């Protein structure tokens, strides 16, 4: 194959790769990218918000998100977070790059915001034998922290109250453990036209 000379910069095919008549740096790739993207990141847990969903920090998911915002004629692309560029595959050659600044904007995710604000939907009231209460309190706390969060626990006359972020998580766990509970619901407000309830689960041990 005869030597090619780039009509834009003058470099030859002996110095740099070519795509058609242009070197890879000068090839008029028909791609468009945003100059800057903002991604929310929780200051407390480090999760990032992608398409409205809070997920664990992931370079792969950031790359996918940035690429999804690019348009044009290319075979494939990836965002190189360390370099801040999108590298496009044009006719099989992965050397066409465009700079995209990604700013991680510090905020608080819904989960951490609720914890900080003392939010809770359910109260587990453990009553009965102190030793059994201690045993079940530790077991419930361990299992619940894998599904939701515990805002606080308070000693009460005759037992212990555990304040939990999700009533649904409590219902599921009680069902799995086959525990009997007296369940009561109390209306605590209305948000966006939806009634908000706080649920109490009384478990006698």
N, C-alpha and C. Protein backbone atom coordinates (compact mmCIF):
# COMPACT_ATOMS: atom_id res chain seq x y z
N UNK A 1 0.85 -1.20 0.00
CA UNK A 1 0.00 0.00 0.00
C UNK A 1 0.88 1.24 0.00
N UNK A 2 0.55 2.17 -0.87
CA UNK A 2 1.36 3.38 -0.99
C UNK A 2 1.14 4.29 0.21
N UNK A 3 2.13 5.12 0.47
CA UNK A 3 2.07 6.03 1.60
C UNK A 3 0.96 7.06 1.40
N UNK A 4 0.23 7.34 2.51
CA UNK A 4 -0.83 8.34 2.47
C UNK A 4 -0.37 9.59 3.21
N UNK A 5 -0.81 10.73 2.73
CA UNK A 5 -0.50 12.00 3.37
C UNK A 5 -1.83 12.64 3.79
N UNK A 6 -1.93 13.00 5.06
CA UNK A 6 -3.16 13.62 5.55
C UNK A 6 -3.30 15.02 4.95
N UNK A 7 -4.41 15.30 4.29
CA UNK A 7 -4.59 16.61 3.65
C UNK A 7 -4.78 17.76 4.65
N UNK A 8 -4.99 17.41 5.92
CA UNK A 8 -5.24 18.44 6.92
C UNK A 8 -3.98 18.82 7.71
N UNK A 9 -3.22 17.79 8.17
CA UNK A 9 -2.04 18.10 9.00
C UNK A 9 -0.72 17.77 8.31
N UNK A 10 -0.77 17.01 7.20
CA UNK A 10 0.43 16.72 6.46
C UNK A 10 1.21 15.49 6.92
N UNK A 11 0.76 14.83 7.99
CA UNK A 11 1.47 13.63 8.44
C UNK A 11 1.20 12.46 7.51
N UNK A 12 2.14 11.51 7.52
CA UNK A 12 2.02 10.38 6.61
C UNK A 12 1.53 9.14 7.33
N UNK A 13 1.13 8.13 6.57
CA UNK A 13 0.65 6.87 7.13
C UNK A 13 1.78 6.09 7.78
N UNK A 14 3.05 6.50 7.56
CA UNK A 14 4.18 5.88 8.25
C UNK A 14 4.29 6.38 9.70
N UNK A 15 3.69 7.53 9.96
CA UNK A 15 3.78 8.14 11.29
C UNK A 15 2.58 7.83 12.18
N UNK A 16 1.41 7.71 11.57
CA UNK A 16 0.17 7.60 12.33
C UNK A 16 -0.85 6.78 11.55
N UNK A 17 -1.82 6.19 12.27
CA UNK A 17 -2.86 5.41 11.60
C UNK A 17 -3.78 6.33 10.80
N UNK A 18 -4.34 5.75 9.74
CA UNK A 18 -5.25 6.50 8.87
C UNK A 18 -6.63 5.84 8.86
N UNK A 19 -7.63 6.68 8.70
CA UNK A 19 -8.98 6.22 8.40
C UNK A 19 -9.36 6.87 7.09
N UNK A 20 -9.47 6.04 6.08
CA UNK A 20 -9.69 6.53 4.71
C UNK A 20 -8.56 7.49 4.34
N UNK A 21 -8.86 8.73 3.93
CA UNK A 21 -7.81 9.63 3.44
C UNK A 21 -7.20 10.49 4.54
N UNK A 22 -7.72 10.39 5.78
CA UNK A 22 -7.25 11.25 6.87
C UNK A 22 -6.56 10.43 7.97
N UNK A 23 -5.65 11.10 8.70
CA UNK A 23 -5.09 10.45 9.88
C UNK A 23 -6.18 10.40 10.95
N UNK A 24 -6.00 9.56 11.95
CA UNK A 24 -7.05 9.38 12.95
C UNK A 24 -7.33 10.66 13.75
N UNK A 25 -6.32 11.53 13.88
CA UNK A 25 -6.53 12.78 14.62
C UNK A 25 -7.34 13.80 13.82
N UNK A 26 -7.28 13.72 12.54
CA UNK A 26 -7.94 14.72 11.69
C UNK A 26 -9.19 14.18 10.99
N UNK A 27 -9.44 12.88 11.13
CA UNK A 27 -10.59 12.30 10.46
C UNK A 27 -11.88 13.01 10.89
N UNK A 28 -12.66 13.50 9.93
CA UNK A 28 -13.89 14.25 10.26
C UNK A 28 -15.01 13.32 10.72
N UNK A 29 -14.83 12.77 11.92
CA UNK A 29 -15.82 11.84 12.46
C UNK A 29 -17.13 12.56 12.74
N UNK A 30 -18.20 11.94 12.33
CA UNK A 30 -19.52 12.53 12.54
C UNK A 30 -20.08 12.07 13.89
N UNK A 31 -19.48 12.63 14.94
CA UNK A 31 -19.95 12.31 16.29
C UNK A 31 -20.16 13.61 17.07
N UNK A 32 -21.15 13.57 17.95
CA UNK A 32 -21.44 14.73 18.80
C UNK A 32 -21.52 14.28 20.24
N UNK A 33 -20.85 15.03 21.11
CA UNK A 33 -20.85 14.72 22.55
C UNK A 33 -21.13 15.99 23.34
N UNK A 34 -21.74 15.86 24.50
CA UNK A 34 -21.87 17.05 25.37
C UNK A 34 -20.51 17.44 25.90
N UNK A 35 -20.29 18.71 26.08
CA UNK A 35 -19.00 19.16 26.61
C UNK A 35 -18.85 18.82 28.09
N UNK A 36 -20.00 18.84 28.80
CA UNK A 36 -19.94 18.59 30.24
C UNK A 36 -21.19 17.87 30.71
N UNK A 37 -21.00 16.94 31.65
CA UNK A 37 -22.12 16.23 32.26
C UNK A 37 -21.96 16.28 33.78
N UNK A 38 -23.06 16.47 34.47
CA UNK A 38 -23.05 16.45 35.93
C UNK A 38 -23.71 15.18 36.42
N UNK A 39 -23.06 14.51 37.36
CA UNK A 39 -23.62 13.30 37.97
C UNK A 39 -23.64 13.51 39.48
N UNK A 40 -24.79 13.33 40.08
CA UNK A 40 -24.90 13.50 41.53
C UNK A 40 -24.22 12.34 42.26
N UNK A 41 -23.49 12.66 43.32
CA UNK A 41 -22.85 11.65 44.15
C UNK A 41 -23.12 11.94 45.62
N UNK A 42 -23.56 10.92 46.34
CA UNK A 42 -23.86 11.09 47.76
C UNK A 42 -22.57 11.30 48.54
N UNK A 43 -22.54 12.38 49.33
CA UNK A 43 -21.36 12.69 50.12
C UNK A 43 -21.12 11.67 51.23
N UNK A 44 -22.17 10.98 51.64
CA UNK A 44 -22.06 10.08 52.78
C UNK A 44 -21.71 8.66 52.38
N UNK A 45 -22.45 8.08 51.43
CA UNK A 45 -22.23 6.67 51.06
C UNK A 45 -21.49 6.49 49.75
N UNK A 46 -21.33 7.58 48.96
CA UNK A 46 -20.58 7.49 47.71
C UNK A 46 -21.37 7.03 46.50
N UNK A 47 -22.65 6.71 46.67
CA UNK A 47 -23.45 6.26 45.53
C UNK A 47 -23.63 7.40 44.52
N UNK A 48 -23.86 7.02 43.27
CA UNK A 48 -24.09 8.00 42.22
C UNK A 48 -25.50 7.83 41.66
N UNK A 49 -26.03 8.91 41.12
CA UNK A 49 -27.40 8.87 40.57
C UNK A 49 -27.34 8.85 39.05
N UNK A 50 -27.76 7.72 38.49
CA UNK A 50 -27.78 7.55 37.03
C UNK A 50 -29.22 7.28 36.61
N UNK A 51 -29.75 8.14 35.74
CA UNK A 51 -31.12 8.00 35.24
C UNK A 51 -32.13 7.88 36.38
N UNK A 52 -31.93 8.68 37.41
CA UNK A 52 -32.87 8.72 38.51
C UNK A 52 -32.70 7.62 39.55
N UNK A 53 -31.73 6.75 39.36
CA UNK A 53 -31.52 5.62 40.28
C UNK A 53 -30.20 5.78 41.02
N UNK A 54 -30.21 5.61 42.33
CA UNK A 54 -29.00 5.66 43.13
C UNK A 54 -28.34 4.29 43.13
N UNK A 55 -27.09 4.23 42.65
CA UNK A 55 -26.38 2.96 42.52
C UNK A 55 -24.97 3.11 43.10
N UNK A 56 -24.33 1.99 43.48
CA UNK A 56 -22.94 2.07 43.95
C UNK A 56 -22.04 2.70 42.89
N UNK A 57 -21.04 3.46 43.33
CA UNK A 57 -20.12 4.10 42.38
C UNK A 57 -19.50 3.06 41.46
N UNK A 58 -19.55 3.33 40.15
CA UNK A 58 -19.04 2.38 39.16
C UNK A 58 -18.53 3.15 37.95
N UNK A 59 -17.25 2.97 37.63
CA UNK A 59 -16.68 3.60 36.44
C UNK A 59 -17.36 3.08 35.17
N UNK A 60 -17.73 1.80 35.19
CA UNK A 60 -18.38 1.20 34.03
C UNK A 60 -19.73 1.86 33.76
N UNK A 61 -20.52 2.08 34.84
CA UNK A 61 -21.83 2.70 34.65
C UNK A 61 -21.70 4.16 34.22
N UNK A 62 -20.67 4.85 34.72
CA UNK A 62 -20.43 6.23 34.29
C UNK A 62 -20.09 6.24 32.81
N UNK A 63 -19.23 5.29 32.39
CA UNK A 63 -18.84 5.20 30.98
C UNK A 63 -20.06 4.96 30.10
N UNK A 64 -20.92 4.03 30.51
CA UNK A 64 -22.13 3.72 29.74
C UNK A 64 -23.02 4.95 29.62
N UNK A 65 -23.14 5.68 30.73
CA UNK A 65 -24.01 6.86 30.74
C UNK A 65 -23.47 7.95 29.80
N UNK A 66 -22.16 8.21 29.86
CA UNK A 66 -21.57 9.24 29.00
C UNK A 66 -21.73 8.86 27.53
N UNK A 67 -21.44 7.60 27.21
CA UNK A 67 -21.57 7.14 25.82
C UNK A 67 -23.01 7.28 25.33
N UNK A 68 -23.97 7.04 26.22
CA UNK A 68 -25.38 7.12 25.82
C UNK A 68 -25.79 8.53 25.43
N UNK A 69 -25.00 9.51 25.87
CA UNK A 69 -25.30 10.90 25.55
C UNK A 69 -24.63 11.35 24.25
N UNK A 70 -23.86 10.46 23.63
CA UNK A 70 -23.17 10.79 22.38
C UNK A 70 -23.97 10.29 21.18
N UNK A 71 -23.88 11.01 20.10
CA UNK A 71 -24.60 10.67 18.87
C UNK A 71 -23.64 10.71 17.68
N UNK A 72 -23.96 9.93 16.66
CA UNK A 72 -23.15 9.98 15.46
C UNK A 72 -22.95 8.62 14.82
N UNK A 73 -22.01 8.58 13.89
CA UNK A 73 -21.72 7.36 13.14
C UNK A 73 -20.45 6.73 13.69
N UNK A 74 -20.61 5.70 14.53
CA UNK A 74 -19.47 4.98 15.09
C UNK A 74 -19.89 3.55 15.40
N UNK A 75 -18.90 2.68 15.40
CA UNK A 75 -19.16 1.26 15.63
C UNK A 75 -19.27 0.92 17.11
N UNK A 76 -18.60 1.68 17.94
CA UNK A 76 -18.60 1.44 19.38
C UNK A 76 -17.88 2.58 20.07
N UNK A 77 -18.03 2.66 21.39
CA UNK A 77 -17.37 3.75 22.12
C UNK A 77 -17.23 3.39 23.59
N UNK A 78 -16.26 4.03 24.24
CA UNK A 78 -16.11 3.90 25.69
C UNK A 78 -15.58 5.20 26.24
N UNK A 79 -15.98 5.50 27.47
CA UNK A 79 -15.49 6.71 28.13
C UNK A 79 -14.35 6.33 29.04
N UNK A 80 -13.20 6.95 28.82
CA UNK A 80 -12.01 6.69 29.62
C UNK A 80 -11.99 7.70 30.76
N UNK A 81 -12.40 7.27 31.95
CA UNK A 81 -12.57 8.19 33.07
C UNK A 81 -11.26 8.86 33.48
N UNK A 82 -10.15 8.15 33.39
CA UNK A 82 -8.86 8.72 33.79
C UNK A 82 -8.42 9.85 32.85
N UNK A 83 -8.80 9.73 31.58
CA UNK A 83 -8.40 10.73 30.59
C UNK A 83 -9.49 11.76 30.31
N UNK A 84 -10.73 11.41 30.67
CA UNK A 84 -11.84 12.33 30.42
C UNK A 84 -12.23 12.43 28.96
N UNK A 85 -12.02 11.34 28.20
CA UNK A 85 -12.35 11.37 26.77
C UNK A 85 -13.22 10.16 26.40
N UNK A 86 -14.02 10.35 25.38
CA UNK A 86 -14.77 9.25 24.78
C UNK A 86 -13.96 8.77 23.58
N UNK A 87 -13.64 7.50 23.57
CA UNK A 87 -12.88 6.93 22.45
C UNK A 87 -13.84 6.16 21.56
N UNK A 88 -13.94 6.61 20.32
CA UNK A 88 -14.88 6.02 19.38
C UNK A 88 -14.18 5.04 18.44
N UNK A 89 -14.88 3.97 18.10
CA UNK A 89 -14.40 3.02 17.10
C UNK A 89 -15.02 3.40 15.76
N UNK A 90 -14.18 3.85 14.85
CA UNK A 90 -14.63 4.22 13.52
C UNK A 90 -14.01 3.24 12.53
N UNK A 91 -14.83 2.46 11.92
CA UNK A 91 -14.36 1.44 10.98
C UNK A 91 -13.32 0.54 11.65
N UNK A 92 -13.58 0.19 12.89
CA UNK A 92 -12.71 -0.75 13.59
C UNK A 92 -11.49 -0.13 14.24
N UNK A 93 -11.25 1.16 14.05
CA UNK A 93 -10.06 1.81 14.62
C UNK A 93 -10.48 2.67 15.82
N UNK A 94 -9.95 2.39 17.02
CA UNK A 94 -10.41 3.06 18.24
C UNK A 94 -9.48 4.21 18.63
N UNK A 95 -9.39 5.18 17.73
CA UNK A 95 -8.48 6.28 18.02
C UNK A 95 -9.11 7.66 17.83
N UNK A 96 -10.40 7.70 17.56
CA UNK A 96 -11.06 8.99 17.43
C UNK A 96 -11.62 9.35 18.79
N UNK A 97 -11.15 10.47 19.36
CA UNK A 97 -11.50 10.82 20.73
C UNK A 97 -12.13 12.20 20.82
N UNK A 98 -13.04 12.33 21.79
CA UNK A 98 -13.66 13.62 22.07
C UNK A 98 -13.67 13.82 23.59
N UNK A 99 -13.32 15.02 24.03
CA UNK A 99 -13.25 15.31 25.46
C UNK A 99 -14.65 15.59 26.01
N UNK A 100 -14.97 14.97 27.13
CA UNK A 100 -16.23 15.22 27.85
C UNK A 100 -15.90 15.36 29.34
N UNK A 101 -16.20 16.50 29.92
CA UNK A 101 -15.94 16.71 31.34
C UNK A 101 -17.10 16.13 32.15
N UNK A 102 -16.78 15.28 33.11
CA UNK A 102 -17.79 14.73 34.02
C UNK A 102 -17.54 15.28 35.41
N UNK A 103 -18.53 16.00 35.93
CA UNK A 103 -18.41 16.56 37.28
C UNK A 103 -19.29 15.78 38.24
N UNK A 104 -18.69 15.27 39.31
CA UNK A 104 -19.44 14.59 40.35
C UNK A 104 -19.91 15.64 41.35
N UNK A 105 -21.20 15.85 41.41
CA UNK A 105 -21.79 16.90 42.23
C UNK A 105 -22.23 16.33 43.58
N UNK A 106 -21.63 16.80 44.65
CA UNK A 106 -21.92 16.29 45.98
C UNK A 106 -23.32 16.64 46.45
N UNK A 107 -24.02 15.63 46.96
CA UNK A 107 -25.37 15.82 47.50
C UNK A 107 -25.64 14.69 48.48
N UNK A 108 -26.88 14.46 48.82
CA UNK A 108 -27.26 13.35 49.71
C UNK A 108 -28.28 12.49 48.99
N UNK A 109 -28.04 11.19 48.97
CA UNK A 109 -29.01 10.29 48.36
C UNK A 109 -30.24 10.19 49.25
N UNK A 110 -31.33 9.70 48.69
CA UNK A 110 -32.58 9.58 49.44
C UNK A 110 -32.41 8.77 50.71
N UNK A 111 -31.67 7.67 50.59
CA UNK A 111 -31.47 6.75 51.71
C UNK A 111 -30.75 7.45 52.87
N UNK A 112 -29.62 8.07 52.58
CA UNK A 112 -28.83 8.74 53.62
C UNK A 112 -29.55 9.96 54.18
N UNK A 113 -30.31 10.64 53.32
CA UNK A 113 -31.07 11.79 53.77
C UNK A 113 -32.12 11.39 54.79
N UNK A 114 -32.75 10.26 54.55
CA UNK A 114 -33.76 9.78 55.49
C UNK A 114 -33.14 9.38 56.82
N UNK A 115 -31.99 8.72 56.75
CA UNK A 115 -31.31 8.32 57.98
C UNK A 115 -30.94 9.56 58.80
N UNK A 116 -30.35 10.55 58.13
CA UNK A 116 -29.92 11.77 58.82
C UNK A 116 -31.10 12.52 59.42
N UNK A 117 -32.25 12.44 58.75
CA UNK A 117 -33.43 13.15 59.22
C UNK A 117 -34.25 12.38 60.25
N UNK A 118 -33.78 11.19 60.64
CA UNK A 118 -34.52 10.39 61.62
C UNK A 118 -35.79 9.78 61.07
N UNK A 119 -35.86 9.59 59.77
CA UNK A 119 -37.07 9.05 59.13
C UNK A 119 -37.30 7.59 59.53
N UNK A 120 -38.56 7.24 59.71
CA UNK A 120 -38.91 5.84 59.93
C UNK A 120 -40.36 5.61 59.53
N UNK A 121 -40.66 4.41 59.05
CA UNK A 121 -42.01 4.03 58.64
C UNK A 121 -42.63 3.03 59.61
N UNK A 122 -41.76 2.28 60.29
CA UNK A 122 -42.29 1.25 61.17
C UNK A 122 -41.61 1.22 62.52
N UNK A 123 -42.35 0.72 63.52
CA UNK A 123 -41.79 0.53 64.86
C UNK A 123 -42.03 -0.92 65.26
N UNK A 124 -40.95 -1.62 65.56
CA UNK A 124 -41.07 -2.99 66.08
C UNK A 124 -41.03 -2.91 67.60
N UNK A 125 -42.10 -3.33 68.23
CA UNK A 125 -42.17 -3.32 69.69
C UNK A 125 -41.96 -4.75 70.19
N UNK A 126 -40.83 -4.99 70.82
CA UNK A 126 -40.55 -6.31 71.39
C UNK A 126 -40.89 -6.28 72.87
N UNK A 127 -41.75 -7.21 73.30
CA UNK A 127 -42.18 -7.25 74.68
C UNK A 127 -42.10 -8.69 75.19
N UNK A 128 -41.76 -8.83 76.49
CA UNK A 128 -41.73 -10.15 77.09
C UNK A 128 -40.45 -10.44 77.84
N UNK A 129 -39.94 -11.65 77.69
CA UNK A 129 -38.74 -12.10 78.39
C UNK A 129 -37.51 -11.29 77.93
N UNK A 130 -36.79 -10.64 78.88
CA UNK A 130 -35.64 -9.80 78.51
C UNK A 130 -34.59 -10.52 77.68
N UNK A 131 -34.29 -11.78 78.02
CA UNK A 131 -33.27 -12.52 77.28
C UNK A 131 -33.71 -12.80 75.85
N UNK A 132 -34.98 -13.15 75.70
CA UNK A 132 -35.52 -13.40 74.35
C UNK A 132 -35.58 -12.09 73.55
N UNK A 133 -35.90 -10.99 74.25
CA UNK A 133 -35.92 -9.70 73.57
C UNK A 133 -34.54 -9.35 73.03
N UNK A 134 -33.51 -9.54 73.84
CA UNK A 134 -32.14 -9.25 73.41
C UNK A 134 -31.74 -10.12 72.23
N UNK A 135 -32.09 -11.41 72.30
CA UNK A 135 -31.76 -12.34 71.23
C UNK A 135 -32.43 -11.93 69.91
N UNK A 136 -33.74 -11.67 69.98
CA UNK A 136 -34.47 -11.33 68.75
C UNK A 136 -34.12 -9.93 68.24
N UNK A 137 -33.82 -9.03 69.14
CA UNK A 137 -33.43 -7.68 68.72
C UNK A 137 -32.16 -7.73 67.88
N UNK A 138 -31.17 -8.49 68.32
CA UNK A 138 -29.92 -8.62 67.57
C UNK A 138 -30.14 -9.29 66.23
N UNK A 139 -30.97 -10.34 66.22
CA UNK A 139 -31.24 -11.06 64.97
C UNK A 139 -31.99 -10.18 63.98
N UNK A 140 -33.03 -9.50 64.46
CA UNK A 140 -33.81 -8.63 63.58
C UNK A 140 -32.97 -7.49 63.04
N UNK A 141 -32.16 -6.88 63.90
CA UNK A 141 -31.31 -5.77 63.47
C UNK A 141 -30.34 -6.21 62.37
N UNK A 142 -29.74 -7.37 62.56
CA UNK A 142 -28.78 -7.88 61.58
C UNK A 142 -29.43 -8.10 60.22
N UNK A 143 -30.64 -8.65 60.23
CA UNK A 143 -31.33 -8.95 58.97
C UNK A 143 -31.93 -7.70 58.33
N UNK A 144 -32.44 -6.80 59.16
CA UNK A 144 -33.05 -5.59 58.62
C UNK A 144 -32.03 -4.65 57.99
N UNK A 145 -30.83 -4.58 58.55
CA UNK A 145 -29.81 -3.68 58.00
C UNK A 145 -29.35 -4.09 56.61
N UNK A 146 -29.70 -5.31 56.20
CA UNK A 146 -29.39 -5.75 54.83
C UNK A 146 -30.49 -5.34 53.85
N UNK A 147 -31.64 -4.89 54.39
CA UNK A 147 -32.78 -4.56 53.53
C UNK A 147 -33.16 -3.08 53.60
N UNK A 148 -32.92 -2.47 54.76
CA UNK A 148 -33.31 -1.08 54.97
C UNK A 148 -32.36 -0.48 56.01
N UNK A 149 -32.82 0.47 56.80
CA UNK A 149 -31.97 1.04 57.85
C UNK A 149 -32.76 1.14 59.15
N UNK A 150 -32.02 1.15 60.24
CA UNK A 150 -32.61 1.31 61.57
C UNK A 150 -32.26 2.71 62.06
N UNK A 151 -33.28 3.52 62.33
CA UNK A 151 -33.05 4.89 62.76
C UNK A 151 -32.55 4.96 64.20
N UNK A 152 -33.19 4.18 65.06
CA UNK A 152 -32.79 4.16 66.47
C UNK A 152 -33.49 3.01 67.19
N UNK A 153 -33.05 2.74 68.39
CA UNK A 153 -33.68 1.75 69.25
C UNK A 153 -33.81 2.36 70.64
N UNK A 154 -34.97 2.16 71.27
CA UNK A 154 -35.22 2.76 72.58
C UNK A 154 -35.71 1.71 73.56
N UNK A 155 -35.13 1.73 74.75
CA UNK A 155 -35.61 0.86 75.82
C UNK A 155 -36.94 1.39 76.33
N UNK A 156 -37.89 0.50 76.47
CA UNK A 156 -39.21 0.85 76.98
C UNK A 156 -39.54 -0.03 78.17
N UNK A 157 -40.52 0.39 78.96
CA UNK A 157 -40.94 -0.43 80.09
C UNK A 157 -41.48 -1.76 79.56
N UNK A 158 -40.80 -2.84 79.92
CA UNK A 158 -41.25 -4.15 79.47
C UNK A 158 -40.68 -4.60 78.14
N UNK A 159 -39.77 -3.80 77.56
CA UNK A 159 -39.23 -4.24 76.28
C UNK A 159 -38.39 -3.22 75.54
N UNK A 160 -38.43 -3.30 74.20
CA UNK A 160 -37.57 -2.48 73.33
C UNK A 160 -38.34 -2.07 72.09
N UNK A 161 -38.17 -0.83 71.66
CA UNK A 161 -38.75 -0.34 70.40
C UNK A 161 -37.63 -0.12 69.39
N UNK A 162 -37.81 -0.68 68.19
CA UNK A 162 -36.85 -0.50 67.11
C UNK A 162 -37.52 0.29 65.99
N UNK A 163 -36.95 1.43 65.63
CA UNK A 163 -37.52 2.30 64.60
C UNK A 163 -36.85 1.99 63.26
N UNK A 164 -37.66 1.61 62.27
CA UNK A 164 -37.15 1.06 61.01
C UNK A 164 -37.58 1.91 59.81
N UNK A 165 -36.68 2.03 58.84
CA UNK A 165 -36.93 2.88 57.68
C UNK A 165 -38.02 2.40 56.75
N UNK A 166 -38.25 1.09 56.65
CA UNK A 166 -39.23 0.55 55.70
C UNK A 166 -40.17 -0.44 56.39
N UNK A 167 -41.45 -0.13 56.37
CA UNK A 167 -42.46 -1.05 56.91
C UNK A 167 -42.54 -2.32 56.07
N UNK A 168 -42.36 -2.18 54.77
CA UNK A 168 -42.42 -3.33 53.88
C UNK A 168 -41.35 -4.35 54.23
N UNK A 169 -40.14 -3.87 54.55
CA UNK A 169 -39.05 -4.78 54.92
C UNK A 169 -39.39 -5.54 56.20
N UNK A 170 -40.06 -4.87 57.13
CA UNK A 170 -40.45 -5.53 58.38
C UNK A 170 -41.50 -6.61 58.11
N UNK A 171 -42.48 -6.29 57.30
CA UNK A 171 -43.53 -7.26 56.97
C UNK A 171 -42.93 -8.51 56.33
N UNK A 172 -42.02 -8.30 55.38
CA UNK A 172 -41.38 -9.44 54.70
C UNK A 172 -40.57 -10.29 55.68
N UNK A 173 -39.84 -9.63 56.56
CA UNK A 173 -39.00 -10.37 57.50
C UNK A 173 -39.84 -11.14 58.52
N UNK A 174 -40.87 -10.53 59.05
CA UNK A 174 -41.74 -11.20 60.00
C UNK A 174 -42.37 -12.44 59.37
N UNK A 175 -42.76 -12.31 58.10
CA UNK A 175 -43.35 -13.45 57.39
C UNK A 175 -42.34 -14.58 57.21
N UNK A 176 -41.11 -14.21 56.83
CA UNK A 176 -40.06 -15.22 56.63
C UNK A 176 -39.72 -15.96 57.92
N UNK A 177 -39.70 -15.22 59.03
CA UNK A 177 -39.35 -15.82 60.33
C UNK A 177 -40.55 -16.45 61.03
N UNK A 178 -41.73 -16.26 60.42
CA UNK A 178 -42.98 -16.81 60.97
C UNK A 178 -43.23 -16.32 62.39
N UNK A 179 -43.03 -15.04 62.57
CA UNK A 179 -43.30 -14.43 63.86
C UNK A 179 -44.72 -13.87 63.87
N UNK A 180 -45.37 -13.96 65.00
CA UNK A 180 -46.71 -13.40 65.15
C UNK A 180 -46.59 -11.97 65.66
N UNK A 181 -47.32 -11.08 65.03
CA UNK A 181 -47.26 -9.68 65.41
C UNK A 181 -48.63 -9.04 65.33
N UNK A 182 -48.93 -8.18 66.29
CA UNK A 182 -50.14 -7.35 66.23
C UNK A 182 -49.76 -6.09 65.47
N UNK A 183 -50.42 -5.88 64.34
CA UNK A 183 -50.04 -4.78 63.44
C UNK A 183 -51.10 -3.69 63.46
N UNK A 184 -50.66 -2.45 63.70
CA UNK A 184 -51.55 -1.29 63.66
C UNK A 184 -50.93 -0.22 62.78
N UNK A 185 -51.78 0.52 62.07
CA UNK A 185 -51.30 1.59 61.17
C UNK A 185 -51.90 2.92 61.59
N UNK A 186 -51.08 3.95 61.50
CA UNK A 186 -51.53 5.28 61.88
C UNK A 186 -51.23 6.26 60.76
N UNK A 187 -52.23 7.01 60.36
CA UNK A 187 -52.05 8.03 59.31
C UNK A 187 -51.24 9.19 59.89
N UNK A 188 -50.12 9.51 59.24
CA UNK A 188 -49.25 10.59 59.76
C UNK A 188 -49.16 11.79 58.82
N UNK A 189 -49.78 11.70 57.63
CA UNK A 189 -49.73 12.83 56.72
C UNK A 189 -50.07 12.44 55.30
N UNK A 190 -50.00 13.43 54.42
CA UNK A 190 -50.26 13.24 52.99
C UNK A 190 -49.16 13.93 52.20
N UNK A 191 -48.59 13.23 51.23
CA UNK A 191 -47.54 13.81 50.40
C UNK A 191 -47.84 13.51 48.94
N UNK A 192 -47.91 14.57 48.13
CA UNK A 192 -48.24 14.45 46.71
C UNK A 192 -49.53 13.67 46.50
N UNK A 193 -50.49 13.92 47.39
CA UNK A 193 -51.78 13.27 47.27
C UNK A 193 -51.83 11.84 47.77
N UNK A 194 -50.70 11.34 48.29
CA UNK A 194 -50.64 9.97 48.79
C UNK A 194 -50.60 9.96 50.31
N UNK A 195 -51.47 9.13 50.90
CA UNK A 195 -51.52 9.04 52.35
C UNK A 195 -50.28 8.32 52.89
N UNK A 196 -49.71 8.86 53.95
CA UNK A 196 -48.52 8.29 54.57
C UNK A 196 -48.89 7.68 55.91
N UNK A 197 -48.48 6.42 56.08
CA UNK A 197 -48.81 5.71 57.31
C UNK A 197 -47.55 5.31 58.06
N UNK A 198 -47.68 5.19 59.37
CA UNK A 198 -46.61 4.65 60.20
C UNK A 198 -47.17 3.39 60.85
N UNK A 199 -46.43 2.28 60.73
CA UNK A 199 -46.93 0.97 61.17
C UNK A 199 -46.19 0.49 62.40
N UNK A 200 -46.95 -0.02 63.36
CA UNK A 200 -46.38 -0.58 64.58
C UNK A 200 -46.57 -2.09 64.59
N UNK A 201 -45.48 -2.81 64.90
CA UNK A 201 -45.51 -4.27 64.95
C UNK A 201 -45.21 -4.70 66.38
N UNK A 202 -46.23 -5.17 67.08
CA UNK A 202 -46.05 -5.61 68.46
C UNK A 202 -45.79 -7.12 68.47
N UNK A 203 -44.59 -7.50 68.92
CA UNK A 203 -44.19 -8.92 68.98
C UNK A 203 -43.97 -9.29 70.43
N UNK A 204 -44.75 -10.27 70.90
CA UNK A 204 -44.63 -10.73 72.29
C UNK A 204 -43.75 -11.97 72.32
N UNK A 205 -42.73 -11.94 73.16
CA UNK A 205 -41.75 -13.03 73.23
C UNK A 205 -41.77 -13.71 74.59
